[in-house]
């Protein structure tokens, strides 16, 4: 199976480089998998497509302002990105970063009144640094929102609010669970009013999720590991929903791959689940947990596009994407969304 098989022509003018003026005002393309019917709608109408007893699962990770501008002892300026939290991260003083241009072991990098010492060069633009100040506090004070490179712009003050879900709670991601960026508290309240269950998990999204696949051979690609925690309450609710014959709907590919990664544990006595997810879902995969997916329109040849194609079928998904392009939907992180049921 080839990466190049999952390609389409995305006009750049349809790439959303800024958030909608009002959160929740974006469009929604609904795809019914049973009859292959497409419906043009609005994200605000999402509750109308859900049924009493359904369960939607949200990712409550919080994006950190991970991009830091540092200064070397010789005055040279560098930019680093503090990477996502993992299970083996015991504190935020010693941590992995991504960097551009050259760094050497032992070099001291200053940010405000803090000093970061390069402890190890791992290769591929990754290093371990030890900071005199915890890096969460440092990014809060001096960092910038780590917008995706395709936006071709610096972060603005509005991105601090809008490149974040309204329920973000657990700090640790360097990319947003973008399908949730269009959700508002009002929409959530109307979903609850229909008798739909809302539960949460945490998956700290890493930059690796959005990195290009370097080989054209899908089977040779290895996914970047991402740390997750699923509360006991969420596990229990998913079990009761499935037992009642109702639908479990993942809001975003981050939720979808987390639930599918732990699918064999979701039939056991409910307990909190935690670990490192590295599942790569592409066409041919048989979904075990989710019955529906809310997701944004993804970039050509991306792993998240392939996950969506696995859930929908590539021919159906490509047809839906062509419809979205013809009707000028907005694509990628700040763009419009799809509901697939």
Protein backbone atom coordinates (compact mmCIF):
# COMPACT_ATOMS: atom_id res chain seq x y z
CA UNK A 1 0.00 0.00 0.00
CA UNK A 2 1.45 3.36 -1.05
CA UNK A 3 1.31 6.78 0.61
CA UNK A 4 0.92 8.31 -2.86
CA UNK A 5 -2.42 6.49 -3.22
CA UNK A 6 -3.89 8.87 -0.61
CA UNK A 7 -3.42 12.15 -2.39
CA UNK A 8 -5.71 14.88 -3.68
CA UNK A 9 -5.31 18.43 -4.96
CA UNK A 10 -5.85 20.94 -2.13
CA UNK A 11 -6.03 24.55 -3.37
CA UNK A 12 -4.04 26.70 -0.95
CA UNK A 13 -6.78 29.33 -0.81
CA UNK A 14 -8.94 26.76 1.02
CA UNK A 15 -6.36 26.29 3.80
CA UNK A 16 -7.56 28.12 6.93
CA UNK A 17 -4.60 30.10 8.26
CA UNK A 18 -6.70 31.99 10.82
CA UNK A 19 -9.55 30.85 13.07
CA UNK A 20 -13.15 31.80 12.22
CA UNK A 21 -14.10 35.18 13.64
CA UNK A 22 -16.53 33.43 16.01
CA UNK A 23 -15.80 30.01 17.47
CA UNK A 24 -18.48 27.54 16.41
CA UNK A 25 -19.48 29.44 13.25
CA UNK A 26 -17.68 26.99 10.96
CA UNK A 27 -19.35 24.62 8.52
CA UNK A 28 -20.03 20.90 8.96
CA UNK A 29 -20.19 18.30 6.22
CA UNK A 30 -22.13 15.23 7.34
CA UNK A 31 -21.46 11.87 5.68
CA UNK A 32 -23.90 9.04 6.35
CA UNK A 33 -21.97 5.81 5.82
CA UNK A 34 -25.11 3.69 5.42
CA UNK A 35 -26.51 5.48 2.38
CA UNK A 36 -23.48 7.58 1.39
CA UNK A 37 -25.48 10.81 1.62
CA UNK A 38 -23.65 14.11 2.11
CA UNK A 39 -25.38 16.97 3.93
CA UNK A 40 -24.01 20.51 4.02
CA UNK A 41 -24.64 21.97 7.44
CA UNK A 42 -23.11 24.06 10.22
CA UNK A 43 -21.02 22.93 13.18
CA UNK A 44 -23.60 24.59 15.43
CA UNK A 45 -26.11 21.99 14.16
CA UNK A 46 -24.04 19.07 15.41
CA UNK A 47 -26.52 18.17 18.21
CA UNK A 48 -29.20 17.56 15.57
CA UNK A 49 -27.24 14.57 14.23
CA UNK A 50 -26.79 12.90 17.63
CA UNK A 51 -29.19 10.63 19.48
CA UNK A 52 -30.08 10.08 23.10
CA UNK A 53 -27.75 7.49 24.60
CA UNK A 54 -24.86 8.25 22.26
CA UNK A 55 -21.49 8.99 23.87
CA UNK A 56 -19.04 11.50 22.50
CA UNK A 57 -15.43 11.36 23.66
CA UNK A 58 -13.30 14.51 23.89
CA UNK A 59 -9.57 15.03 24.37
CA UNK A 60 -8.92 17.41 27.28
CA UNK A 61 -5.22 17.97 26.62
CA UNK A 62 -3.94 21.54 26.80
CA UNK A 63 -1.51 22.97 24.25
CA UNK A 64 1.54 24.61 25.78
CA UNK A 65 3.18 27.69 24.26
CA UNK A 66 5.99 25.43 23.22
CA UNK A 67 7.97 27.63 20.81
CA UNK A 68 10.82 29.44 22.60
CA UNK A 69 13.39 31.91 21.28
CA UNK A 70 16.71 31.35 23.01
CA UNK A 71 20.11 33.03 22.94
CA UNK A 72 23.45 31.20 22.95
CA UNK A 73 26.43 32.44 24.98
CA UNK A 74 27.97 33.95 21.84
CA UNK A 75 24.81 35.96 21.22
CA UNK A 76 23.51 33.76 18.40
CA UNK A 77 19.74 33.33 18.39
CA UNK A 78 18.00 30.00 18.06
CA UNK A 79 14.41 28.75 18.11
CA UNK A 80 13.47 25.59 19.96
CA UNK A 81 10.22 23.72 20.53
CA UNK A 82 9.60 22.08 23.89
CA UNK A 83 8.07 18.73 22.98
CA UNK A 84 4.98 17.00 24.35
CA UNK A 85 4.68 15.32 27.73
CA UNK A 86 5.27 11.55 27.97
CA UNK A 87 4.84 8.94 30.67
CA UNK A 88 8.58 8.99 31.37
CA UNK A 89 8.64 12.75 31.97
CA UNK A 90 8.95 13.05 35.74
CA UNK A 91 9.39 16.80 35.75
CA UNK A 92 9.62 19.74 33.37
CA UNK A 93 13.23 20.63 34.21
CA UNK A 94 14.86 17.96 32.04
CA UNK A 95 13.03 17.58 28.75
CA UNK A 96 13.27 16.83 25.04
CA UNK A 97 13.29 19.71 22.59
CA UNK A 98 13.33 20.07 18.83
CA UNK A 99 15.78 22.58 17.37
CA UNK A 100 16.97 24.05 14.10
CA UNK A 101 20.57 24.79 13.12
CA UNK A 102 23.45 23.56 15.27
CA UNK A 103 23.55 22.89 18.99
CA UNK A 104 26.31 21.17 20.95
CA UNK A 105 26.36 19.26 24.23
CA UNK A 106 27.20 21.61 27.10
CA UNK A 107 25.95 24.75 25.39
CA UNK A 108 23.98 27.19 27.54
CA UNK A 109 20.85 28.80 26.16
CA UNK A 110 19.17 31.73 27.89
CA UNK A 111 15.48 32.58 27.99
CA UNK A 112 14.63 35.51 30.22
CA UNK A 113 16.31 34.77 33.55
CA UNK A 114 16.48 31.01 32.92
CA UNK A 115 19.35 28.95 31.52
CA UNK A 116 18.94 25.74 29.53
CA UNK A 117 21.96 23.45 29.27
CA UNK A 118 22.15 21.00 26.36
CA UNK A 119 22.70 17.59 27.98
CA UNK A 120 22.35 15.27 24.98
CA UNK A 121 22.05 15.48 21.21
CA UNK A 122 19.76 12.67 20.04
CA UNK A 123 19.89 13.30 16.29
CA UNK A 124 17.18 14.26 13.79
CA UNK A 125 16.96 17.72 15.35
CA UNK A 126 16.17 16.45 18.85
CA UNK A 127 18.05 17.15 22.08
CA UNK A 128 17.66 16.86 25.85
CA UNK A 129 18.06 20.04 27.88
CA UNK A 130 18.07 20.79 31.60
CA UNK A 131 16.52 24.07 32.60
CA UNK A 132 17.09 26.19 35.71
CA UNK A 133 13.34 26.92 35.67
CA UNK A 134 10.57 24.44 34.98
CA UNK A 135 9.76 24.55 31.28
CA UNK A 136 6.00 24.81 31.74
CA UNK A 137 6.44 28.09 33.63
CA UNK A 138 9.00 29.20 31.07
CA UNK A 139 6.72 28.52 28.11
CA UNK A 140 3.81 30.19 29.89
CA UNK A 141 5.91 33.34 30.31
CA UNK A 142 8.01 33.49 27.14
CA UNK A 143 6.64 30.92 24.71
CA UNK A 144 4.60 31.23 21.55
CA UNK A 145 1.79 29.00 20.31
CA UNK A 146 3.34 26.27 18.10
CA UNK A 147 1.21 26.81 15.02
CA UNK A 148 1.56 24.29 12.19
CA UNK A 149 4.25 25.31 9.66
CA UNK A 150 1.81 25.40 6.73
CA UNK A 151 0.18 28.54 8.19
CA UNK A 152 3.33 30.48 7.25
CA UNK A 153 2.81 33.08 9.95
CA UNK A 154 3.84 33.93 13.48
CA UNK A 155 1.44 33.27 16.31
CA UNK A 156 -0.89 36.12 17.28
CA UNK A 157 -2.48 36.85 20.68
CA UNK A 158 -5.77 35.37 19.42
CA UNK A 159 -4.08 31.99 18.87
CA UNK A 160 -3.51 31.64 22.62
CA UNK A 161 -7.28 31.25 23.00
CA UNK A 162 -8.29 29.79 19.67
CA UNK A 163 -5.58 27.13 19.18
CA UNK A 164 -7.01 25.52 22.32
CA UNK A 165 -10.27 23.76 23.14
CA UNK A 166 -12.71 25.43 25.54
CA UNK A 167 -12.29 22.52 28.00
CA UNK A 168 -8.47 22.19 27.79
CA UNK A 169 -7.28 21.00 31.19
CA UNK A 170 -4.08 18.92 31.18
CA UNK A 171 -0.96 20.65 29.89
CA UNK A 172 1.28 18.65 27.61
CA UNK A 173 0.46 18.96 23.88
CA UNK A 174 2.38 20.81 21.19
CA UNK A 175 -0.47 20.56 18.67
CA UNK A 176 -4.19 20.98 19.20
CA UNK A 177 -6.86 18.27 18.86
CA UNK A 178 -8.18 20.33 15.98
CA UNK A 179 -11.60 18.72 15.46
CA UNK A 180 -12.55 20.17 18.85
CA UNK A 181 -11.49 23.75 18.12
CA UNK A 182 -14.94 24.49 16.65
CA UNK A 183 -16.81 23.22 19.71
CA UNK A 184 -18.36 25.75 22.12
CA UNK A 185 -19.86 25.52 25.59
CA UNK A 186 -23.28 26.27 24.09
CA UNK A 187 -23.00 23.37 21.64
CA UNK A 188 -21.87 21.08 24.46
CA UNK A 189 -24.87 22.16 26.57
CA UNK A 190 -27.27 21.37 23.72
CA UNK A 191 -25.62 17.98 23.21
CA UNK A 192 -26.11 17.16 26.90
CA UNK A 193 -29.73 18.35 26.72
CA UNK A 194 -30.40 15.66 24.09
CA UNK A 195 -29.33 12.96 26.53
CA UNK A 196 -25.94 12.43 24.88
CA UNK A 197 -23.10 11.46 27.23
CA UNK A 198 -19.89 13.51 27.16
CA UNK A 199 -16.70 11.94 28.51
CA UNK A 200 -13.01 12.79 28.33
CA UNK A 201 -9.60 11.28 27.88
CA UNK A 202 -6.16 12.85 27.60
CA UNK A 203 -3.77 12.30 24.72
CA UNK A 204 -0.84 14.70 24.54
CA UNK A 205 -0.50 15.44 20.85
CA UNK A 206 3.05 15.54 19.50
CA UNK A 207 4.55 17.16 16.43
CA UNK A 208 5.17 13.68 15.09
CA UNK A 209 1.46 13.36 14.38
CA UNK A 210 1.77 15.93 11.62
CA UNK A 211 5.20 15.05 10.26
CA UNK A 212 5.22 13.77 6.67
CA UNK A 213 5.64 10.08 5.99
CA UNK A 214 9.14 9.79 4.53
CA UNK A 215 8.61 6.53 2.67
CA UNK A 216 5.99 5.70 0.05
CA UNK A 217 5.53 2.31 1.71
CA UNK A 218 2.78 2.57 4.35
CA UNK A 219 3.75 -0.64 6.11
CA UNK A 220 7.23 0.76 6.78
CA UNK A 221 6.02 3.84 8.66
CA UNK A 222 6.28 3.93 12.47
CA UNK A 223 4.06 6.33 14.38
CA UNK A 224 5.41 8.74 16.95
CA UNK A 225 4.38 7.60 20.46
CA UNK A 226 1.95 9.79 22.40
CA UNK A 227 1.08 9.59 26.08
CA UNK A 228 -2.55 8.99 27.05
CA UNK A 229 -4.71 8.62 30.15
CA UNK A 230 -8.31 7.35 30.05
CA UNK A 231 -10.27 7.76 33.31
CA UNK A 232 -12.22 4.84 34.73
CA UNK A 233 -15.47 6.79 34.25
CA UNK A 234 -14.78 7.10 30.50
CA UNK A 235 -14.02 3.38 30.18
CA UNK A 236 -17.23 2.51 32.04
CA UNK A 237 -19.36 4.86 29.93
CA UNK A 238 -17.99 3.44 26.68
CA UNK A 239 -18.77 -0.08 27.89
CA UNK A 240 -22.35 0.79 28.87
CA UNK A 241 -22.92 2.65 25.59
CA UNK A 242 -21.78 -0.33 23.52
CA UNK A 243 -23.85 -2.73 25.65
CA UNK A 244 -26.96 -0.59 25.05
CA UNK A 245 -26.38 -0.68 21.29
CA UNK A 246 -25.72 3.06 21.11
CA UNK A 247 -22.89 4.88 19.35
CA UNK A 248 -19.44 5.89 20.59
CA UNK A 249 -18.35 8.95 18.64
CA UNK A 250 -14.74 10.14 18.71
CA UNK A 251 -14.21 13.88 18.43
CA UNK A 252 -10.97 13.91 16.49
CA UNK A 253 -8.40 11.44 15.28
CA UNK A 254 -6.50 11.80 18.57
CA UNK A 255 -9.45 10.26 20.40
CA UNK A 256 -10.02 7.66 17.68
CA UNK A 257 -6.50 6.29 17.75
CA UNK A 258 -6.35 6.31 21.56
CA UNK A 259 -9.55 4.27 21.89
CA UNK A 260 -8.54 1.85 19.16
CA UNK A 261 -5.09 1.44 20.76
CA UNK A 262 -6.69 0.25 24.01
CA UNK A 263 -9.64 -1.64 22.50
CA UNK A 264 -8.79 -5.00 24.10
CA UNK A 265 -8.85 -3.41 27.58
CA UNK A 266 -12.27 -1.83 27.07
CA UNK A 267 -14.01 -5.18 27.57
CA UNK A 268 -12.45 -5.76 31.00
CA UNK A 269 -13.48 -4.45 34.43
CA UNK A 270 -13.27 -0.65 34.13
CA UNK A 271 -9.99 0.83 35.36
CA UNK A 272 -7.99 3.91 34.46
CA UNK A 273 -5.89 3.19 31.39
CA UNK A 274 -2.57 4.89 30.68
CA UNK A 275 0.33 4.33 28.31
CA UNK A 276 2.00 5.35 25.06
CA UNK A 277 -0.07 5.04 21.89
CA UNK A 278 1.75 4.37 18.62
CA UNK A 279 -1.01 2.76 16.57
CA UNK A 280 -0.93 3.59 12.84
CA UNK A 281 -4.42 3.23 11.38
CA UNK A 282 -4.76 3.08 7.61
CA UNK A 283 -7.20 1.43 5.16
CA UNK A 284 -7.65 -2.24 5.90
CA UNK A 285 -7.93 -1.63 9.65
CA UNK A 286 -11.17 -2.82 11.27
CA UNK A 287 -12.40 -0.40 13.94
CA UNK A 288 -13.29 -2.04 17.24
CA UNK A 289 -14.51 0.83 19.41
CA UNK A 290 -15.74 3.93 17.60
CA UNK A 291 -19.00 4.10 15.65
CA UNK A 292 -18.66 7.71 14.51
CA UNK A 293 -16.02 10.34 13.95
CA UNK A 294 -15.98 14.13 14.02
CA UNK A 295 -12.87 15.38 12.29
CA UNK A 296 -11.43 18.21 10.24
CA UNK A 297 -10.37 18.05 6.58
CA UNK A 298 -6.82 16.72 6.51
CA UNK A 299 -3.75 17.32 4.40
CA UNK A 300 -2.96 15.03 1.45
CA UNK A 301 -0.86 11.94 2.25
CA UNK A 302 -1.07 12.53 6.03
CA UNK A 303 -1.50 9.84 8.68
CA UNK A 304 -4.72 11.48 9.91
CA UNK A 305 -6.15 11.40 6.38
CA UNK A 306 -5.36 7.69 6.23
CA UNK A 307 -7.09 7.04 9.56
CA UNK A 308 -10.18 8.80 8.26
CA UNK A 309 -9.95 6.84 5.00
CA UNK A 310 -9.80 3.62 7.02
CA UNK A 311 -13.04 4.56 8.77
CA UNK A 312 -14.89 5.79 5.68
CA UNK A 313 -13.31 4.03 2.73
CA UNK A 314 -10.97 5.98 0.48
CA UNK A 315 -13.36 6.27 -2.46
CA UNK A 316 -16.14 7.66 -0.28
CA UNK A 317 -13.77 10.02 1.52
CA UNK A 318 -12.24 11.30 -1.70
CA UNK A 319 -15.71 11.98 -3.08
CA UNK A 320 -16.60 13.91 0.09
CA UNK A 321 -13.34 15.91 -0.12
CA UNK A 322 -14.02 16.77 -3.75
CA UNK A 323 -17.48 17.98 -2.70
CA UNK A 324 -15.89 20.07 0.07
CA UNK A 325 -13.40 21.61 -2.37
CA UNK A 326 -16.10 22.41 -4.91
CA UNK A 327 -18.16 24.07 -2.16
CA UNK A 328 -15.16 25.93 -0.75
CA UNK A 329 -15.02 24.41 2.71
CA UNK A 330 -11.97 25.46 4.73
CA UNK A 331 -9.32 22.82 5.36
CA UNK A 332 -6.83 21.83 8.09
CA UNK A 333 -6.53 22.92 11.74
CA UNK A 334 -8.59 26.11 11.77
CA UNK A 335 -10.96 24.86 9.07
CA UNK A 336 -14.39 23.30 8.83
CA UNK A 337 -15.32 19.83 10.03
CA UNK A 338 -16.83 16.52 8.95
CA UNK A 339 -19.26 14.31 10.86
CA UNK A 340 -19.07 10.68 9.81
CA UNK A 341 -21.74 8.30 11.12
